[in-house]
Amino acid sequence: MSLPHGDRMAAAARAVRFAFHACRFGFEALESLFFPAGKAGNIVRGALGSSFRQLACAPDCPGARTCEQRAVCAYARLFEPTACAPGPSGLADWPRPFVLRAAHLDGQVIRPGESFQFDVHLFTCRKDALAILVLAFAQLAEEGLGPRRGRATLRRVYGLDASGQPRHLVYDPIRAPYPCVPPPLVLSLQPLADSVRRVRVQFLTPTELKGDEQLVREPHFGVLFARIRDRISTLPALYGEGPLDIDFRAMADSAARVRLISSRLRSIGAERRSGRTGQIHPLGGFVGEAEYEGNLAEFVPYLEAAYWTGVGRQTVWGKGVVRIQARHGCAL
């Protein structure tokens, strides 16, 4: 049965946009904190997981994968999401519905009384998700961060605008002690009206991309766009307004015709040891920039959205941040 006209129009409007929340968490150090080089995002992620589980889970919980309450547990759905029913592309392990942006803290020592901050981009429509994150970050700050377990206090949380600037107060222990949800950021994924023939993309944090099940050394546009498209389509399908109504095959064919005309990349090596399993995991990837040429107007909105989502492996702790540095063939 076909949808009424109004419902079809609403569905069409949702299908060409990407909605999410971006927030900045600001802290004051009570003790000295240290963030090892290349590992700030992973340190924050690990501390968040521990704090989050203490808040949400019973002490005797067997773990998110086997917990009978995983379909409704806030920790399981946000931090260790797995499929409770068939999902997009048969995904068993879902991508986490958030990313952390803390790379600017790499190698930094924060002294008592100094302020520091990091951003969280949240892709779920759960109304309680942001409030839970505020509580979890407040608790982990009190318990301590980094190898020295330096304590801090959460001073405020702001919702960001599309330029990345604080716009809406979400939490302040005095002015706004009960976290409120700011308006979402909504990005249009419609093709640009003006022609775009050349794009330069910066890879700001270590990026790992897979093509044909192998890590690639050069970010050819077909591979880069495929990973961006998959991520931007999967997140709303799992957590948001629903799957994007786009022609995957046609866009892939068009992306394959875009040429990589130059690249200036370097590899960064880093690794982490899991405190839970003892396994060592790579954290590295390439950084730098690449320049592409072709019919790019339909792809620019996805490249801009990828700044917020990240692309490639391990985006949750801040890998794969990309940004358009320059566009040629249309007004800047």
C-alpha atoms as a PDB file:
ATOM      1  CA  MET A   1       0.000   0.000   0.000  1.00  0.00           C
ATOM      2  CA  SER A   2       1.405   3.406  -0.965  1.00  0.00           C
ATOM      3  CA  LEU A   3       2.034   6.115   1.625  1.00  0.00           C
ATOM      4  CA  PRO A   4      -0.134   9.248   1.710  1.00  0.00           C
ATOM      5  CA  HIS A   5       1.380  12.219  -0.078  1.00  0.00           C
ATOM      6  CA  GLY A   6       2.335  13.990   3.171  1.00  0.00           C
ATOM      7  CA  ASP A   7       4.105  10.901   4.497  1.00  0.00           C
ATOM      8  CA  ARG A   8       5.964  10.455   1.213  1.00  0.00           C
ATOM      9  CA  MET A   9       7.150  14.068   1.351  1.00  0.00           C
ATOM     10  CA  ALA A  10       8.315  13.653   4.943  1.00  0.00           C
ATOM     11  CA  ALA A  11      10.133  10.440   4.067  1.00  0.00           C
ATOM     12  CA  ALA A  12      11.819  12.140   1.111  1.00  0.00           C
ATOM     13  CA  ALA A  13      12.973  14.994   3.323  1.00  0.00           C
ATOM     14  CA  ARG A  14      14.473  12.578   5.841  1.00  0.00           C
ATOM     15  CA  ALA A  15      16.138  10.503   3.148  1.00  0.00           C
ATOM     16  CA  VAL A  16      18.476  13.286   2.014  1.00  0.00           C
ATOM     17  CA  ARG A  17      19.643  14.549   5.379  1.00  0.00           C
ATOM     18  CA  PHE A  18      21.840  13.430   8.242  1.00  0.00           C
ATOM     19  CA  ALA A  19      20.845  14.454  11.776  1.00  0.00           C
ATOM     20  CA  PHE A  20      22.939  14.075  14.947  1.00  0.00           C
ATOM     21  CA  HIS A  21      24.112  15.886  18.085  1.00  0.00           C
ATOM     22  CA  ALA A  22      27.567  17.347  18.711  1.00  0.00           C
ATOM     23  CA  CYS A  23      28.551  18.401  22.222  1.00  0.00           C
ATOM     24  CA  ARG A  24      31.627  19.822  23.941  1.00  0.00           C
ATOM     25  CA  PHE A  25      32.437  18.557  27.427  1.00  0.00           C
ATOM     26  CA  GLY A  26      34.493  21.013  29.478  1.00  0.00           C
ATOM     27  CA  PHE A  27      36.425  19.976  32.602  1.00  0.00           C
ATOM     28  CA  GLU A  28      38.661  21.481  35.274  1.00  0.00           C
ATOM     29  CA  ALA A  29      41.602  19.416  36.492  1.00  0.00           C
ATOM     30  CA  LEU A  30      41.722  18.791  40.246  1.00  0.00           C
ATOM     31  CA  GLU A  31      44.986  16.867  39.948  1.00  0.00           C
ATOM     32  CA  SER A  32      47.631  16.595  37.252  1.00  0.00           C
ATOM     33  CA  LEU A  33      46.464  14.629  34.198  1.00  0.00           C
ATOM     34  CA  PHE A  34      48.588  13.197  31.389  1.00  0.00           C
ATOM     35  CA  PHE A  35      47.398  12.027  27.965  1.00  0.00           C
ATOM     36  CA  PRO A  36      50.052   9.938  26.140  1.00  0.00           C
ATOM     37  CA  ALA A  37      50.758  10.884  22.537  1.00  0.00           C
ATOM     38  CA  GLY A  38      48.329   9.277  20.095  1.00  0.00           C
ATOM     39  CA  LYS A  39      46.181   7.748  22.825  1.00  0.00           C
ATOM     40  CA  ALA A  40      43.996  10.492  24.303  1.00  0.00           C
ATOM     41  CA  GLY A  41      40.841   9.367  22.505  1.00  0.00           C
ATOM     42  CA  ASN A  42      41.385   5.746  23.440  1.00  0.00           C
ATOM     43  CA  ILE A  43      42.013   6.669  27.094  1.00  0.00           C
ATOM     44  CA  VAL A  44      38.760   8.634  27.210  1.00  0.00           C
ATOM     45  CA  ARG A  45      36.911   5.770  25.493  1.00  0.00           C
ATOM     46  CA  GLY A  46      38.210   3.205  27.986  1.00  0.00           C
ATOM     47  CA  ALA A  47      37.364   5.363  30.999  1.00  0.00           C
ATOM     48  CA  LEU A  48      33.909   6.067  29.576  1.00  0.00           C
ATOM     49  CA  GLY A  49      33.202   2.367  29.134  1.00  0.00           C
ATOM     50  CA  SER A  50      34.154   1.576  32.714  1.00  0.00           C
ATOM     51  CA  SER A  51      32.130   4.467  34.162  1.00  0.00           C
ATOM     52  CA  PHE A  52      29.163   3.795  31.904  1.00  0.00           C
ATOM     53  CA  ARG A  53      28.996   0.138  32.870  1.00  0.00           C
ATOM     54  CA  GLN A  54      29.078   0.984  36.584  1.00  0.00           C
ATOM     55  CA  LEU A  55      26.123   3.323  36.103  1.00  0.00           C
ATOM     56  CA  ALA A  56      23.989   1.100  33.885  1.00  0.00           C
ATOM     57  CA  CYS A  57      24.775  -2.531  34.712  1.00  0.00           C
ATOM     58  CA  ALA A  58      24.182  -4.810  37.671  1.00  0.00           C
ATOM     59  CA  PRO A  59      27.378  -6.000  39.417  1.00  0.00           C
ATOM     60  CA  ASP A  60      26.669  -9.611  38.403  1.00  0.00           C
ATOM     61  CA  CYS A  61      26.022  -8.791  34.711  1.00  0.00           C
ATOM     62  CA  PRO A  62      27.675 -11.501  32.562  1.00  0.00           C
ATOM     63  CA  GLY A  63      28.561  -9.005  29.832  1.00  0.00           C
ATOM     64  CA  ALA A  64      26.742  -7.123  27.107  1.00  0.00           C
ATOM     65  CA  ARG A  65      26.943  -9.927  24.524  1.00  0.00           C
ATOM     66  CA  THR A  66      25.145 -12.471  26.697  1.00  0.00           C
ATOM     67  CA  CYS A  67      23.056 -10.214  28.947  1.00  0.00           C
ATOM     68  CA  GLU A  68      19.341 -10.980  28.684  1.00  0.00           C
ATOM     69  CA  GLN A  69      18.617  -7.237  29.028  1.00  0.00           C
ATOM     70  CA  ARG A  70      20.942  -6.108  26.215  1.00  0.00           C
ATOM     71  CA  ALA A  71      18.036  -4.976  24.019  1.00  0.00           C
ATOM     72  CA  VAL A  72      17.063  -2.302  26.576  1.00  0.00           C
ATOM     73  CA  CYS A  73      20.323  -1.770  28.510  1.00  0.00           C
ATOM     74  CA  ALA A  74      21.731   1.720  27.888  1.00  0.00           C
ATOM     75  CA  TYR A  75      25.317   0.480  28.171  1.00  0.00           C
ATOM     76  CA  ALA A  76      24.803  -2.402  25.747  1.00  0.00           C
ATOM     77  CA  ARG A  77      22.965  -0.302  23.170  1.00  0.00           C
ATOM     78  CA  LEU A  78      25.424   2.610  23.244  1.00  0.00           C
ATOM     79  CA  PHE A  79      28.789   1.092  24.111  1.00  0.00           C
ATOM     80  CA  GLU A  80      28.730  -2.550  23.013  1.00  0.00           C
ATOM     81  CA  PRO A  81      25.875  -2.656  20.469  1.00  0.00           C
ATOM     82  CA  THR A  82      25.092  -5.977  18.838  1.00  0.00           C
ATOM     83  CA  ALA A  83      22.230  -7.046  16.632  1.00  0.00           C
ATOM     84  CA  CYS A  84      19.157  -8.286  18.491  1.00  0.00           C
ATOM     85  CA  ALA A  85      17.457  -8.884  15.134  1.00  0.00           C
ATOM     86  CA  PRO A  86      18.554  -8.881  11.488  1.00  0.00           C
ATOM     87  CA  GLY A  87      20.004  -5.467  10.573  1.00  0.00           C
ATOM     88  CA  PRO A  88      21.572  -3.631   7.635  1.00  0.00           C
ATOM     89  CA  SER A  89      23.927  -5.843   5.608  1.00  0.00           C
ATOM     90  CA  GLY A  90      23.613  -8.553   8.259  1.00  0.00           C
ATOM     91  CA  LEU A  91      25.731  -6.605  10.762  1.00  0.00           C
ATOM     92  CA  ALA A  92      26.276  -8.593  13.949  1.00  0.00           C
ATOM     93  CA  ASP A  93      28.454  -6.019  15.716  1.00  0.00           C
ATOM     94  CA  TRP A  94      27.038  -2.570  15.156  1.00  0.00           C
ATOM     95  CA  PRO A  95      29.174   0.566  15.019  1.00  0.00           C
ATOM     96  CA  ARG A  96      28.924   2.539  18.237  1.00  0.00           C
ATOM     97  CA  PRO A  97      26.546   5.495  17.879  1.00  0.00           C
ATOM     98  CA  PHE A  98      29.117   8.110  18.927  1.00  0.00           C
ATOM     99  CA  VAL A  99      32.639   9.323  18.284  1.00  0.00           C
ATOM    100  CA  LEU A 100      35.082  11.112  20.576  1.00  0.00           C
ATOM    101  CA  ARG A 101      37.276  14.006  19.472  1.00  0.00           C
ATOM    102  CA  ALA A 102      40.236  14.306  21.838  1.00  0.00           C
ATOM    103  CA  ALA A 103      43.293  14.247  19.532  1.00  0.00           C
ATOM    104  CA  HIS A 104      44.234  17.792  20.588  1.00  0.00           C
ATOM    105  CA  LEU A 105      44.993  16.346  24.065  1.00  0.00           C
ATOM    106  CA  ASP A 106      47.619  13.904  22.746  1.00  0.00           C
ATOM    107  CA  GLY A 107      50.866  14.324  24.697  1.00  0.00           C
ATOM    108  CA  GLN A 108      49.385  17.023  26.939  1.00  0.00           C
ATOM    109  CA  VAL A 109      49.883  17.483  30.669  1.00  0.00           C
ATOM    110  CA  ILE A 110      46.947  19.245  32.333  1.00  0.00           C
ATOM    111  CA  ARG A 111      47.874  20.827  35.652  1.00  0.00           C
ATOM    112  CA  PRO A 112      45.543  21.332  38.641  1.00  0.00           C
ATOM    113  CA  GLY A 113      43.192  24.244  38.039  1.00  0.00           C
ATOM    114  CA  GLU A 114      43.600  24.147  34.255  1.00  0.00           C
ATOM    115  CA  SER A 115      40.699  23.529  31.904  1.00  0.00           C
ATOM    116  CA  PHE A 116      40.478  20.958  29.132  1.00  0.00           C
ATOM    117  CA  GLN A 117      37.755  19.742  26.825  1.00  0.00           C
ATOM    118  CA  PHE A 118      36.814  17.218  24.187  1.00  0.00           C
ATOM    119  CA  ASP A 119      33.870  16.739  21.866  1.00  0.00           C
ATOM    120  CA  VAL A 120      31.352  13.932  21.492  1.00  0.00           C
ATOM    121  CA  HIS A 121      29.284  13.417  18.326  1.00  0.00           C
ATOM    122  CA  LEU A 122      26.180  11.367  19.073  1.00  0.00           C
ATOM    123  CA  PHE A 123      24.195   9.611  16.325  1.00  0.00           C
ATOM    124  CA  THR A 124      21.367   7.973  18.235  1.00  0.00           C
ATOM    125  CA  CYS A 125      17.824   9.313  18.606  1.00  0.00           C
ATOM    126  CA  ARG A 126      17.539   7.862  22.142  1.00  0.00           C
ATOM    127  CA  LYS A 127      16.311  10.778  24.254  1.00  0.00           C
ATOM    128  CA  ASP A 128      18.191   9.593  27.347  1.00  0.00           C
ATOM    129  CA  ALA A 129      21.548   9.001  25.624  1.00  0.00           C
ATOM    130  CA  LEU A 130      23.005  12.462  26.184  1.00  0.00           C
ATOM    131  CA  ALA A 131      21.937  12.608  29.828  1.00  0.00           C
ATOM    132  CA  ILE A 132      23.547   9.211  30.422  1.00  0.00           C
ATOM    133  CA  LEU A 133      26.788  10.401  28.803  1.00  0.00           C
ATOM    134  CA  VAL A 134      26.827  13.498  31.008  1.00  0.00           C
ATOM    135  CA  LEU A 135      26.468  11.335  34.122  1.00  0.00           C
ATOM    136  CA  ALA A 136      29.135   8.900  32.914  1.00  0.00           C
ATOM    137  CA  PHE A 137      31.643  11.635  32.083  1.00  0.00           C
ATOM    138  CA  ALA A 138      31.025  13.370  35.410  1.00  0.00           C
ATOM    139  CA  GLN A 139      31.700  10.103  37.239  1.00  0.00           C
ATOM    140  CA  LEU A 140      34.811   9.145  35.256  1.00  0.00           C
ATOM    141  CA  ALA A 141      36.289  12.619  35.805  1.00  0.00           C
ATOM    142  CA  GLU A 142      35.883  12.214  39.567  1.00  0.00           C
ATOM    143  CA  GLU A 143      37.486   8.757  39.420  1.00  0.00           C
ATOM    144  CA  GLY A 144      40.443   9.948  37.358  1.00  0.00           C
ATOM    145  CA  LEU A 145      41.716   9.906  33.785  1.00  0.00           C
ATOM    146  CA  GLY A 146      44.913   8.781  32.130  1.00  0.00           C
ATOM    147  CA  PRO A 147      47.803   6.610  33.373  1.00  0.00           C
ATOM    148  CA  ARG A 148      48.119   8.747  36.519  1.00  0.00           C
ATOM    149  CA  ARG A 149      44.362   8.631  37.183  1.00  0.00           C
ATOM    150  CA  GLY A 150      44.263  12.384  37.704  1.00  0.00           C
ATOM    151  CA  ARG A 151      40.905  13.603  38.949  1.00  0.00           C
ATOM    152  CA  ALA A 152      38.861  16.374  37.360  1.00  0.00           C
ATOM    153  CA  THR A 153      35.375  17.828  37.541  1.00  0.00           C
ATOM    154  CA  LEU A 154      32.857  18.310  34.739  1.00  0.00           C
ATOM    155  CA  ARG A 155      32.140  22.055  34.569  1.00  0.00           C
ATOM    156  CA  ARG A 156      29.787  22.356  31.596  1.00  0.00           C
ATOM    157  CA  VAL A 157      28.531  20.805  28.386  1.00  0.00           C
ATOM    158  CA  TYR A 158      27.545  22.747  25.285  1.00  0.00           C
ATOM    159  CA  GLY A 159      25.783  21.736  22.096  1.00  0.00           C
ATOM    160  CA  LEU A 160      27.772  22.781  19.021  1.00  0.00           C
ATOM    161  CA  ASP A 161      26.587  24.499  15.869  1.00  0.00           C
ATOM    162  CA  ALA A 162      27.555  23.492  12.324  1.00  0.00           C
ATOM    163  CA  SER A 163      30.787  25.491  12.547  1.00  0.00           C
ATOM    164  CA  GLY A 164      31.828  23.596  15.687  1.00  0.00           C
ATOM    165  CA  GLN A 165      31.215  26.518  18.061  1.00  0.00           C
ATOM    166  CA  PRO A 166      29.352  26.221  21.408  1.00  0.00           C
ATOM    167  CA  ARG A 167      25.773  27.369  20.968  1.00  0.00           C
ATOM    168  CA  HIS A 168      23.377  25.697  23.446  1.00  0.00           C
ATOM    169  CA  LEU A 169      24.032  25.074  27.141  1.00  0.00           C
ATOM    170  CA  VAL A 170      23.346  21.398  27.865  1.00  0.00           C
ATOM    171  CA  TYR A 171      24.686  21.036  31.405  1.00  0.00           C
ATOM    172  CA  ASP A 172      26.098  23.246  34.147  1.00  0.00           C
ATOM    173  CA  PRO A 173      26.050  22.066  37.783  1.00  0.00           C
ATOM    174  CA  ILE A 174      24.593  25.433  38.878  1.00  0.00           C
ATOM    175  CA  ARG A 175      22.693  26.928  35.919  1.00  0.00           C
ATOM    176  CA  ALA A 176      21.507  23.691  34.276  1.00  0.00           C
ATOM    177  CA  PRO A 177      21.945  20.746  36.667  1.00  0.00           C
ATOM    178  CA  TYR A 178      19.562  18.565  34.655  1.00  0.00           C
ATOM    179  CA  PRO A 179      20.985  17.893  31.163  1.00  0.00           C
ATOM    180  CA  CYS A 180      18.826  19.119  28.307  1.00  0.00           C
ATOM    181  CA  VAL A 181      18.960  17.938  24.712  1.00  0.00           C
ATOM    182  CA  PRO A 182      19.982  20.695  22.258  1.00  0.00           C
ATOM    183  CA  PRO A 183      18.543  20.957  18.743  1.00  0.00           C
ATOM    184  CA  PRO A 184      20.216  18.433  16.434  1.00  0.00           C
ATOM    185  CA  LEU A 185      22.594  19.411  13.691  1.00  0.00           C
ATOM    186  CA  VAL A 186      20.965  18.582  10.360  1.00  0.00           C
ATOM    187  CA  LEU A 187      23.156  18.279   7.269  1.00  0.00           C
ATOM    188  CA  SER A 188      21.653  18.141   3.790  1.00  0.00           C
ATOM    189  CA  LEU A 189      22.970  15.332   1.605  1.00  0.00           C
ATOM    190  CA  GLN A 190      21.464  16.801  -1.545  1.00  0.00           C
ATOM    191  CA  PRO A 191      23.937  17.327  -4.418  1.00  0.00           C
ATOM    192  CA  LEU A 192      25.263  20.869  -4.647  1.00  0.00           C
ATOM    193  CA  ALA A 193      23.611  23.033  -7.285  1.00  0.00           C
ATOM    194  CA  ASP A 194      26.956  24.412  -8.482  1.00  0.00           C
ATOM    195  CA  SER A 195      29.575  22.402 -10.322  1.00  0.00           C
ATOM    196  CA  VAL A 196      32.511  21.105  -8.289  1.00  0.00           C
ATOM    197  CA  ARG A 197      35.463  19.792 -10.286  1.00  0.00           C
ATOM    198  CA  ARG A 198      38.235  19.526  -7.719  1.00  0.00           C
ATOM    199  CA  VAL A 199      38.378  18.791  -4.000  1.00  0.00           C
ATOM    200  CA  ARG A 200      41.280  18.646  -1.580  1.00  0.00           C
ATOM    201  CA  VAL A 201      40.643  16.442   1.475  1.00  0.00           C
ATOM    202  CA  GLN A 202      42.686  16.569   4.657  1.00  0.00           C
ATOM    203  CA  PHE A 203      43.101  13.414   6.752  1.00  0.00           C
ATOM    204  CA  LEU A 204      43.503  15.088  10.137  1.00  0.00           C
ATOM    205  CA  THR A 205      43.894  12.004  12.323  1.00  0.00           C
ATOM    206  CA  PRO A 206      45.268   8.535  11.501  1.00  0.00           C
ATOM    207  CA  THR A 207      42.981   6.914   8.932  1.00  0.00           C
ATOM    208  CA  GLU A 208      42.703   3.272   7.861  1.00  0.00           C
ATOM    209  CA  LEU A 209      40.537   2.405   4.866  1.00  0.00           C
ATOM    210  CA  LYS A 210      39.717  -1.021   3.503  1.00  0.00           C
ATOM    211  CA  GLY A 211      39.134  -1.877  -0.147  1.00  0.00           C
ATOM    212  CA  ASP A 212      38.572  -5.459  -1.292  1.00  0.00           C
ATOM    213  CA  GLU A 213      39.064  -6.549   2.344  1.00  0.00           C
ATOM    214  CA  GLN A 214      42.599  -5.086   2.387  1.00  0.00           C
ATOM    215  CA  LEU A 215      43.966  -1.912   3.956  1.00  0.00           C
ATOM    216  CA  VAL A 216      44.742   0.572   1.195  1.00  0.00           C
ATOM    217  CA  ARG A 217      47.878   2.689   0.937  1.00  0.00           C
ATOM    218  CA  GLU A 218      46.339   5.359  -1.283  1.00  0.00           C
ATOM    219  CA  PRO A 219      42.841   6.776  -0.634  1.00  0.00           C
ATOM    220  CA  HIS A 220      41.433   6.444  -4.159  1.00  0.00           C
ATOM    221  CA  PHE A 221      38.093   8.206  -4.279  1.00  0.00           C
ATOM    222  CA  GLY A 222      35.991   5.143  -4.990  1.00  0.00           C
ATOM    223  CA  VAL A 223      37.224   3.481  -1.798  1.00  0.00           C
ATOM    224  CA  LEU A 224      37.066   6.668   0.298  1.00  0.00           C
ATOM    225  CA  PHE A 225      33.518   7.466  -0.781  1.00  0.00           C
ATOM    226  CA  ALA A 226      32.334   3.876  -0.335  1.00  0.00           C
ATOM    227  CA  ARG A 227      33.473   3.870   3.302  1.00  0.00           C
ATOM    228  CA  ILE A 228      31.940   7.325   3.937  1.00  0.00           C
ATOM    229  CA  ARG A 229      28.659   6.360   2.255  1.00  0.00           C
ATOM    230  CA  ASP A 230      28.429   3.094   4.184  1.00  0.00           C
ATOM    231  CA  ARG A 231      28.990   4.813   7.503  1.00  0.00           C
ATOM    232  CA  ILE A 232      26.598   7.691   6.873  1.00  0.00           C
ATOM    233  CA  SER A 233      23.889   5.302   5.677  1.00  0.00           C
ATOM    234  CA  THR A 234      24.376   2.722   8.445  1.00  0.00           C
ATOM    235  CA  LEU A 235      24.247   5.077  11.438  1.00  0.00           C
ATOM    236  CA  PRO A 236      20.730   6.477  10.774  1.00  0.00           C
ATOM    237  CA  ALA A 237      19.509   3.041   9.685  1.00  0.00           C
ATOM    238  CA  LEU A 238      20.495   1.595  13.061  1.00  0.00           C
ATOM    239  CA  TYR A 239      19.992   4.536  15.394  1.00  0.00           C
ATOM    240  CA  GLY A 240      18.246   7.426  13.676  1.00  0.00           C
ATOM    241  CA  GLU A 241      15.548   8.319  11.203  1.00  0.00           C
ATOM    242  CA  GLY A 242      15.988   5.281   8.978  1.00  0.00           C
ATOM    243  CA  PRO A 243      18.034   4.239   5.931  1.00  0.00           C
ATOM    244  CA  LEU A 244      18.990   6.761   3.286  1.00  0.00           C
ATOM    245  CA  ASP A 245      17.017   6.551   0.068  1.00  0.00           C
ATOM    246  CA  ILE A 246      19.968   6.693  -2.344  1.00  0.00           C
ATOM    247  CA  ASP A 247      21.108   4.736  -5.386  1.00  0.00           C
ATOM    248  CA  PHE A 248      24.200   2.987  -4.016  1.00  0.00           C
ATOM    249  CA  ARG A 249      25.260   1.448  -7.323  1.00  0.00           C
ATOM    250  CA  ALA A 250      24.906   4.654  -9.353  1.00  0.00           C
ATOM    251  CA  MET A 251      26.849   6.658  -6.774  1.00  0.00           C
ATOM    252  CA  ALA A 252      29.583   4.008  -6.667  1.00  0.00           C
ATOM    253  CA  ASP A 253      29.895   4.122 -10.464  1.00  0.00           C
ATOM    254  CA  SER A 254      30.160   7.918 -10.388  1.00  0.00           C
ATOM    255  CA  ALA A 255      32.707   7.836  -7.543  1.00  0.00           C
ATOM    256  CA  ALA A 256      34.871   5.385  -9.494  1.00  0.00           C
ATOM    257  CA  ARG A 257      35.229   8.019 -12.232  1.00  0.00           C
ATOM    258  CA  VAL A 258      36.693  10.598  -9.827  1.00  0.00           C
ATOM    259  CA  ARG A 259      40.491  10.637 -10.102  1.00  0.00           C
ATOM    260  CA  LEU A 260      43.069  10.901  -7.332  1.00  0.00           C
ATOM    261  CA  ILE A 261      45.433  13.463  -8.883  1.00  0.00           C
ATOM    262  CA  SER A 262      47.858  13.980  -5.981  1.00  0.00           C
ATOM    263  CA  SER A 263      48.461  12.920  -2.406  1.00  0.00           C
ATOM    264  CA  ARG A 264      50.819  13.941   0.369  1.00  0.00           C
ATOM    265  CA  LEU A 265      50.454  11.309   3.052  1.00  0.00           C
ATOM    266  CA  ARG A 266      52.565   9.893   5.856  1.00  0.00           C
ATOM    267  CA  SER A 267      52.048   6.891   8.068  1.00  0.00           C
ATOM    268  CA  ILE A 268      51.713   7.118  11.840  1.00  0.00           C
ATOM    269  CA  GLY A 269      52.300   4.045  13.956  1.00  0.00           C
ATOM    270  CA  ALA A 270      50.751   3.560  17.390  1.00  0.00           C
ATOM    271  CA  GLU A 271      49.238   0.736  19.398  1.00  0.00           C
ATOM    272  CA  ARG A 272      47.291   0.056  22.552  1.00  0.00           C
ATOM    273  CA  ARG A 273      47.064  -2.862  24.937  1.00  0.00           C
ATOM    274  CA  SER A 274      43.585  -3.873  26.020  1.00  0.00           C
ATOM    275  CA  GLY A 275      43.260  -3.766  29.787  1.00  0.00           C
ATOM    276  CA  ARG A 276      40.535  -6.406  29.575  1.00  0.00           C
ATOM    277  CA  THR A 277      42.112  -8.974  27.232  1.00  0.00           C
ATOM    278  CA  GLY A 278      45.780  -7.997  27.166  1.00  0.00           C
ATOM    279  CA  GLN A 279      45.717  -7.979  23.356  1.00  0.00           C
ATOM    280  CA  ILE A 280      47.649  -5.330  21.423  1.00  0.00           C
ATOM    281  CA  HIS A 281      45.667  -3.352  18.840  1.00  0.00           C
ATOM    282  CA  PRO A 282      47.096  -0.970  16.208  1.00  0.00           C
ATOM    283  CA  LEU A 283      46.044   2.676  16.424  1.00  0.00           C
ATOM    284  CA  GLY A 284      47.930   4.079  13.453  1.00  0.00           C
ATOM    285  CA  GLY A 285      47.079   5.031   9.902  1.00  0.00           C
ATOM    286  CA  PHE A 286      47.887   7.735   7.377  1.00  0.00           C
ATOM    287  CA  VAL A 287      47.506  11.501   7.731  1.00  0.00           C
ATOM    288  CA  GLY A 288      47.981  14.262   5.178  1.00  0.00           C
ATOM    289  CA  GLU A 289      45.948  15.319   2.174  1.00  0.00           C
ATOM    290  CA  ALA A 290      44.728  14.096  -1.181  1.00  0.00           C
ATOM    291  CA  GLU A 291      43.339  15.986  -4.163  1.00  0.00           C
ATOM    292  CA  TYR A 292      40.575  14.642  -6.397  1.00  0.00           C
ATOM    293  CA  GLU A 293      39.195  15.698  -9.775  1.00  0.00           C
ATOM    294  CA  GLY A 294      35.883  14.858 -11.449  1.00  0.00           C
ATOM    295  CA  ASN A 295      32.164  15.520 -11.118  1.00  0.00           C
ATOM    296  CA  LEU A 296      32.067  16.011  -7.356  1.00  0.00           C
ATOM    297  CA  ALA A 297      28.921  18.048  -6.629  1.00  0.00           C
ATOM    298  CA  GLU A 298      26.947  15.029  -5.349  1.00  0.00           C
ATOM    299  CA  PHE A 299      29.810  13.889  -3.111  1.00  0.00           C
ATOM    300  CA  VAL A 300      30.728  17.114  -1.315  1.00  0.00           C
ATOM    301  CA  PRO A 301      27.838  16.867   1.230  1.00  0.00           C
ATOM    302  CA  TYR A 302      29.020  13.366   2.203  1.00  0.00           C
ATOM    303  CA  LEU A 303      32.618  14.540   2.572  1.00  0.00           C
ATOM    304  CA  GLU A 304      31.411  17.354   4.818  1.00  0.00           C
ATOM    305  CA  ALA A 305      29.299  14.957   6.894  1.00  0.00           C
ATOM    306  CA  ALA A 306      32.306  12.639   7.252  1.00  0.00           C
ATOM    307  CA  TYR A 307      34.049  15.320   9.304  1.00  0.00           C
ATOM    308  CA  TRP A 308      31.474  14.614  12.027  1.00  0.00           C
ATOM    309  CA  THR A 309      31.276  10.820  11.688  1.00  0.00           C
ATOM    310  CA  GLY A 310      34.858   9.918  10.836  1.00  0.00           C
ATOM    311  CA  VAL A 311      35.652   7.278   8.249  1.00  0.00           C
ATOM    312  CA  GLY A 312      37.447   3.933   8.338  1.00  0.00           C
ATOM    313  CA  ARG A 313      38.479   1.853  11.330  1.00  0.00           C
ATOM    314  CA  GLN A 314      38.295   2.836  15.015  1.00  0.00           C
ATOM    315  CA  THR A 315      36.430   6.079  14.479  1.00  0.00           C
ATOM    316  CA  VAL A 316      34.925   5.897  17.961  1.00  0.00           C
ATOM    317  CA  TRP A 317      38.076   7.297  19.591  1.00  0.00           C
ATOM    318  CA  GLY A 318      38.766   9.851  16.895  1.00  0.00           C
ATOM    319  CA  LYS A 319      40.516   8.143  14.006  1.00  0.00           C
ATOM    320  CA  GLY A 320      39.532   8.971  10.431  1.00  0.00           C
ATOM    321  CA  VAL A 321      38.701  12.672  10.823  1.00  0.00           C
ATOM    322  CA  VAL A 322      38.537  14.207   7.337  1.00  0.00           C
ATOM    323  CA  ARG A 323      37.899  17.775   6.234  1.00  0.00           C
ATOM    324  CA  ILE A 324      37.529  19.516   2.905  1.00  0.00           C
ATOM    325  CA  GLN A 325      40.321  22.071   2.695  1.00  0.00           C
ATOM    326  CA  ALA A 326      39.504  23.588  -0.684  1.00  0.00           C
ATOM    327  CA  ARG A 327      36.897  23.313  -3.412  1.00  0.00           C
ATOM    328  CA  HIS A 328      37.384  24.411  -7.004  1.00  0.00           C
ATOM    329  CA  GLY A 329      34.712  24.958  -9.633  1.00  0.00           C
ATOM    330  CA  CYS A 330      32.110  26.493  -7.317  1.00  0.00           C
ATOM    331  CA  ALA A 331      31.864  29.429  -4.955  1.00  0.00           C
ATOM    332  CA  LEU A 332      33.809  28.958  -1.723  1.00  0.00           C
END
